[in-house]
Amino acid sequence: MSALVIIPTYNERENVAAIVQAVFAQSEPFHILIVDDGSPDGTGQIVRDLQQDFPQTLHLLERQGKNGLGTAYIAGFRWGLTHGYDFIIEMDADFSHNPKDLVRLLAKCRDEDADVAVGSRYVKGGKVENWPWERHFYSRGGSIYTRIVTLMPIADPTAGFVCWRRKVLETIDLNKIRFIGYAFQIEMKFAAWELNFKIREVPIVFKDRELGVSKMSLKIVQEGILGVLQMRWRGFFDNYGYNK
């Protein structure tokens, strides 16, 4: 069964070569799709150079302009479905997600009963390293707030390290996913939960980036706060599938 790791990038020249090498070093034969939003720092060219070493397993989807994390992942999901992958994994480029945990996320879906496997900071065995207190506050508070509003039984609903079975992404109407920033990760899990897919959490250690610049902003946090209310309200009248 084939597994694709989607890594969105914008100005990740310090990290992209290393993260590609680290993913390919794992025991599973992962393929990688880099979705680059026209990085002016030359990230895309670095990936094109690397494709000479990995012509069958490293793929590049280049887009014009910085269009948001959510749209990058949705473009990647569509690409992965079109190219026949059985499992599709979301992952950051900056090593905040440990490539070694890819194997455990894949196993949770492939070998166990999970339709969606979430790399979770907030279940037993999970933790965060190198974060300032305000990031802890926003992240923990956002997770608690999301659980209260949506009723989803997920300890880390904002997590961005996620493995999806193909059938989940085929069932969700991706055109109904409205958010592109912080709330995107919540909305995708909410869609899967509303459609009765099995979501399981895998403990991970999340480390703050060492190289490059964080994409987190107050606007992204605000989108999350308002977005959770909007998706909960919409959930009373519609779901994220194609048939309703």
Protein backbone atom coordinates (compact mmCIF):
# COMPACT_ATOMS: atom_id res chain seq x y z
CA MET A 1 0.00 0.00 0.00
CA SER A 2 1.39 3.40 -0.99
CA ALA A 3 1.78 6.35 1.37
CA LEU A 4 2.31 9.98 0.42
CA VAL A 5 3.70 12.63 2.78
CA ILE A 6 2.52 16.15 1.90
CA ILE A 7 4.82 18.95 3.06
CA PRO A 8 3.66 22.52 2.35
CA THR A 9 6.47 25.07 2.08
CA TYR A 10 6.94 28.80 1.98
CA ASN A 11 10.49 30.07 2.43
CA GLU A 12 11.85 26.81 3.87
CA ARG A 13 15.24 26.71 2.15
CA GLU A 14 16.94 26.03 5.50
CA ASN A 15 14.84 22.92 6.12
CA VAL A 16 13.52 21.42 2.90
CA ALA A 17 16.52 19.30 1.83
CA ALA A 18 17.01 17.93 5.33
CA ILE A 19 13.33 17.05 5.83
CA VAL A 20 13.20 15.26 2.48
CA GLN A 21 16.28 13.21 3.34
CA ALA A 22 14.87 12.41 6.80
CA VAL A 23 11.54 11.16 5.43
CA PHE A 24 13.24 8.96 2.86
CA ALA A 25 15.48 7.53 5.60
CA GLN A 26 12.50 5.90 7.34
CA SER A 27 11.81 2.17 7.15
CA GLU A 28 8.60 2.65 5.13
CA PRO A 29 8.85 3.55 1.41
CA PHE A 30 7.16 6.94 1.69
CA HIS A 31 6.72 9.22 -1.29
CA ILE A 32 6.81 13.00 -0.77
CA LEU A 33 4.84 15.83 -2.35
CA ILE A 34 6.20 19.31 -1.66
CA VAL A 35 3.51 21.97 -2.18
CA ASP A 36 5.42 25.21 -2.56
CA ASP A 37 3.64 28.57 -2.70
CA GLY A 38 6.15 30.38 -4.90
CA SER A 39 8.78 30.75 -2.18
CA PRO A 40 11.01 33.71 -3.10
CA ASP A 41 13.92 32.16 -1.21
CA GLY A 42 14.41 29.38 -3.78
CA THR A 43 12.78 26.49 -1.91
CA GLY A 44 11.24 25.20 -5.14
CA GLN A 45 14.59 25.11 -6.94
CA ILE A 46 16.13 23.11 -4.11
CA VAL A 47 13.36 20.54 -4.48
CA ARG A 48 13.82 20.40 -8.26
CA ASP A 49 17.52 19.72 -7.72
CA LEU A 50 16.68 16.94 -5.24
CA GLN A 51 14.34 15.33 -7.76
CA GLN A 52 17.40 14.29 -9.74
CA ASP A 53 18.28 11.96 -6.83
CA PHE A 54 14.67 10.85 -6.18
CA PRO A 55 12.95 11.01 -9.58
CA GLN A 56 10.17 8.52 -8.78
CA THR A 57 9.43 9.37 -5.15
CA LEU A 58 9.87 13.14 -4.73
CA HIS A 59 7.19 15.31 -6.32
CA LEU A 60 6.73 19.07 -6.48
CA LEU A 61 3.51 21.04 -6.87
CA GLU A 62 4.27 24.73 -7.35
CA ARG A 63 1.60 27.39 -6.88
CA GLN A 64 1.70 31.11 -7.50
CA GLY A 65 1.60 33.23 -4.36
CA LYS A 66 1.08 32.49 -0.70
CA ASN A 67 -2.45 31.05 -0.63
CA GLY A 68 -2.66 29.54 2.84
CA LEU A 69 -1.96 26.22 4.52
CA GLY A 70 -5.44 24.83 4.00
CA THR A 71 -5.51 25.36 0.25
CA ALA A 72 -2.01 23.88 -0.02
CA TYR A 73 -3.11 20.70 1.73
CA ILE A 74 -6.32 20.43 -0.27
CA ALA A 75 -4.32 20.77 -3.50
CA GLY A 76 -2.03 18.06 -2.15
CA PHE A 77 -4.95 15.82 -1.19
CA ARG A 78 -6.40 16.10 -4.68
CA TRP A 79 -3.00 15.34 -6.22
CA GLY A 80 -2.53 12.32 -3.98
CA LEU A 81 -5.98 10.91 -4.72
CA THR A 82 -5.49 11.40 -8.46
CA HIS A 83 -2.18 9.54 -8.27
CA GLY A 84 -3.65 6.57 -6.40
CA TYR A 85 -2.13 6.76 -2.91
CA ASP A 86 -3.80 4.69 -0.19
CA PHE A 87 -2.62 6.84 2.73
CA ILE A 88 -1.89 10.56 2.75
CA ILE A 89 0.00 12.24 5.59
CA GLU A 90 0.24 15.92 6.54
CA MET A 91 3.59 17.08 7.90
CA ASP A 92 5.42 20.35 8.58
CA ALA A 93 8.72 21.14 6.88
CA ASP A 94 10.49 22.55 9.95
CA PHE A 95 11.12 19.33 11.96
CA SER A 96 8.50 20.24 14.58
CA HIS A 97 7.10 16.87 13.51
CA ASN A 98 9.66 14.09 13.96
CA PRO A 99 10.00 12.07 10.73
CA LYS A 100 10.48 8.93 12.83
CA ASP A 101 6.84 9.24 13.95
CA LEU A 102 5.62 8.81 10.38
CA VAL A 103 5.91 5.05 10.72
CA ARG A 104 3.70 5.00 13.81
CA LEU A 105 1.06 7.22 12.23
CA LEU A 106 0.92 5.04 9.13
CA ALA A 107 0.71 1.87 11.22
CA LYS A 108 -2.23 3.23 13.20
CA CYS A 109 -4.24 3.48 9.96
CA ARG A 110 -2.80 0.62 7.93
CA ASP A 111 -2.48 -2.03 10.65
CA GLU A 112 -5.11 -0.97 13.18
CA ASP A 113 -8.66 0.39 12.97
CA ALA A 114 -7.99 4.11 12.49
CA ASP A 115 -9.38 5.98 9.52
CA VAL A 116 -7.53 9.09 10.70
CA ALA A 117 -4.40 9.03 12.88
CA VAL A 118 -3.52 12.27 14.67
CA GLY A 119 -0.03 12.95 16.00
CA SER A 120 -1.10 14.31 19.37
CA ARG A 121 0.73 16.53 21.84
CA TYR A 122 -1.96 16.23 24.49
CA VAL A 123 -2.49 12.52 25.09
CA LYS A 124 -0.41 10.42 27.48
CA GLY A 125 3.15 10.26 26.20
CA GLY A 126 2.83 13.40 24.08
CA LYS A 127 4.44 16.75 24.87
CA VAL A 128 5.76 20.03 23.49
CA GLU A 129 9.35 21.25 23.70
CA ASN A 130 10.91 24.71 23.26
CA TRP A 131 7.68 26.70 23.21
CA PRO A 132 7.24 30.07 24.95
CA TRP A 133 4.43 30.21 27.47
CA GLU A 134 2.09 32.14 25.18
CA ARG A 135 2.23 29.39 22.52
CA HIS A 136 1.39 26.83 25.20
CA PHE A 137 -1.52 29.01 26.31
CA TYR A 138 -2.96 29.48 22.80
CA SER A 139 -2.54 25.84 21.84
CA ARG A 140 -3.87 24.26 25.04
CA GLY A 141 -6.64 26.81 25.32
CA GLY A 142 -7.58 26.35 21.67
CA SER A 143 -7.79 22.59 22.09
CA ILE A 144 -10.00 22.81 25.17
CA TYR A 145 -12.22 25.45 23.56
CA THR A 146 -12.58 23.35 20.40
CA ARG A 147 -13.57 20.24 22.33
CA ILE A 148 -16.19 22.16 24.30
CA VAL A 149 -17.76 23.77 21.23
CA THR A 150 -17.61 20.86 18.76
CA LEU A 151 -17.91 17.95 21.24
CA MET A 152 -15.19 16.11 19.30
CA PRO A 153 -13.42 13.58 21.57
CA ILE A 154 -9.97 14.63 20.30
CA ALA A 155 -7.34 15.89 22.73
CA ASP A 156 -5.34 17.74 20.05
CA PRO A 157 -7.82 18.95 17.40
CA THR A 158 -5.43 21.63 16.10
CA ALA A 159 -2.65 19.12 15.35
CA GLY A 160 -1.07 19.30 11.91
CA PHE A 161 0.61 15.86 11.82
CA VAL A 162 -2.15 13.59 10.48
CA CYS A 163 -2.49 10.38 8.46
CA TRP A 164 -5.66 9.93 6.37
CA ARG A 165 -7.00 6.81 4.78
CA ARG A 166 -7.84 7.38 1.14
CA LYS A 167 -11.54 6.66 1.70
CA VAL A 168 -11.83 9.54 4.19
CA LEU A 169 -10.53 12.13 1.75
CA GLU A 170 -12.71 10.65 -0.99
CA THR A 171 -15.80 10.92 1.22
CA ILE A 172 -15.24 14.48 2.47
CA ASP A 173 -16.38 17.08 -0.02
CA LEU A 174 -13.19 19.15 -0.01
CA ASN A 175 -15.07 22.03 -1.62
CA LYS A 176 -16.87 22.47 1.70
CA ILE A 177 -13.66 23.05 3.65
CA ARG A 178 -13.66 26.82 4.10
CA PHE A 179 -10.75 27.67 6.36
CA ILE A 180 -7.17 28.10 5.23
CA GLY A 181 -5.21 28.77 8.43
CA TYR A 182 -5.35 27.61 12.03
CA ALA A 183 -8.96 26.45 11.69
CA PHE A 184 -8.25 24.24 8.68
CA GLN A 185 -6.83 21.44 10.82
CA ILE A 186 -9.85 21.58 13.12
CA GLU A 187 -12.33 21.63 10.24
CA MET A 188 -10.82 18.58 8.54
CA LYS A 189 -11.05 16.55 11.74
CA PHE A 190 -14.55 17.85 12.39
CA ALA A 191 -15.59 16.77 8.89
CA ALA A 192 -14.20 13.26 9.42
CA TRP A 193 -15.84 13.00 12.85
CA GLU A 194 -19.21 14.16 11.53
CA LEU A 195 -19.00 11.50 8.83
CA ASN A 196 -18.40 8.85 11.52
CA PHE A 197 -14.82 7.95 10.65
CA LYS A 198 -12.62 6.52 13.40
CA ILE A 199 -10.09 9.08 14.62
CA ARG A 200 -7.25 7.80 16.81
CA GLU A 201 -4.45 9.76 18.48
CA VAL A 202 -0.77 8.79 18.55
CA PRO A 203 1.45 10.52 21.15
CA ILE A 204 4.25 12.63 19.69
CA VAL A 205 6.86 15.06 20.96
CA PHE A 206 6.40 18.37 19.16
CA LYS A 207 9.51 20.57 18.94
CA ASP A 208 9.43 24.22 17.94
CA ARG A 209 11.32 25.03 14.75
CA GLU A 210 15.04 25.78 15.03
CA LEU A 211 15.50 27.28 11.52
CA GLY A 212 13.31 29.65 9.53
CA VAL A 213 10.38 31.82 10.65
CA SER A 214 7.16 30.63 12.27
CA LYS A 215 3.96 31.20 10.25
CA MET A 216 1.79 31.59 13.39
CA SER A 217 0.04 34.96 13.77
CA LEU A 218 -2.76 36.59 15.76
CA LYS A 219 -4.94 36.53 12.64
CA ILE A 220 -4.57 32.77 12.40
CA VAL A 221 -5.55 32.35 16.06
CA GLN A 222 -8.59 34.60 15.56
CA GLU A 223 -9.65 32.52 12.57
CA GLY A 224 -9.54 29.46 14.81
CA ILE A 225 -11.71 31.00 17.52
CA LEU A 226 -14.41 32.23 15.14
CA GLY A 227 -14.07 29.28 12.79
CA VAL A 228 -14.92 26.71 15.46
CA LEU A 229 -18.19 28.49 16.18
CA GLN A 230 -19.03 28.69 12.48
CA MET A 231 -18.34 25.05 11.75
CA ARG A 232 -20.34 23.93 14.78
CA TRP A 233 -23.30 26.05 13.63
CA ARG A 234 -23.05 24.73 10.07
CA GLY A 235 -22.88 21.20 11.44
CA PHE A 236 -26.45 21.46 12.71
CA PHE A 237 -27.75 21.92 9.15
CA ASP A 238 -25.32 20.11 6.86
CA ASN A 239 -22.37 17.74 6.90
CA TYR A 240 -19.20 17.55 4.86
CA GLY A 241 -20.16 14.62 2.64
CA TYR A 242 -21.25 14.71 -0.99
CA ASN A 243 -24.73 13.33 -0.41
CA LYS A 244 -26.22 16.03 1.74
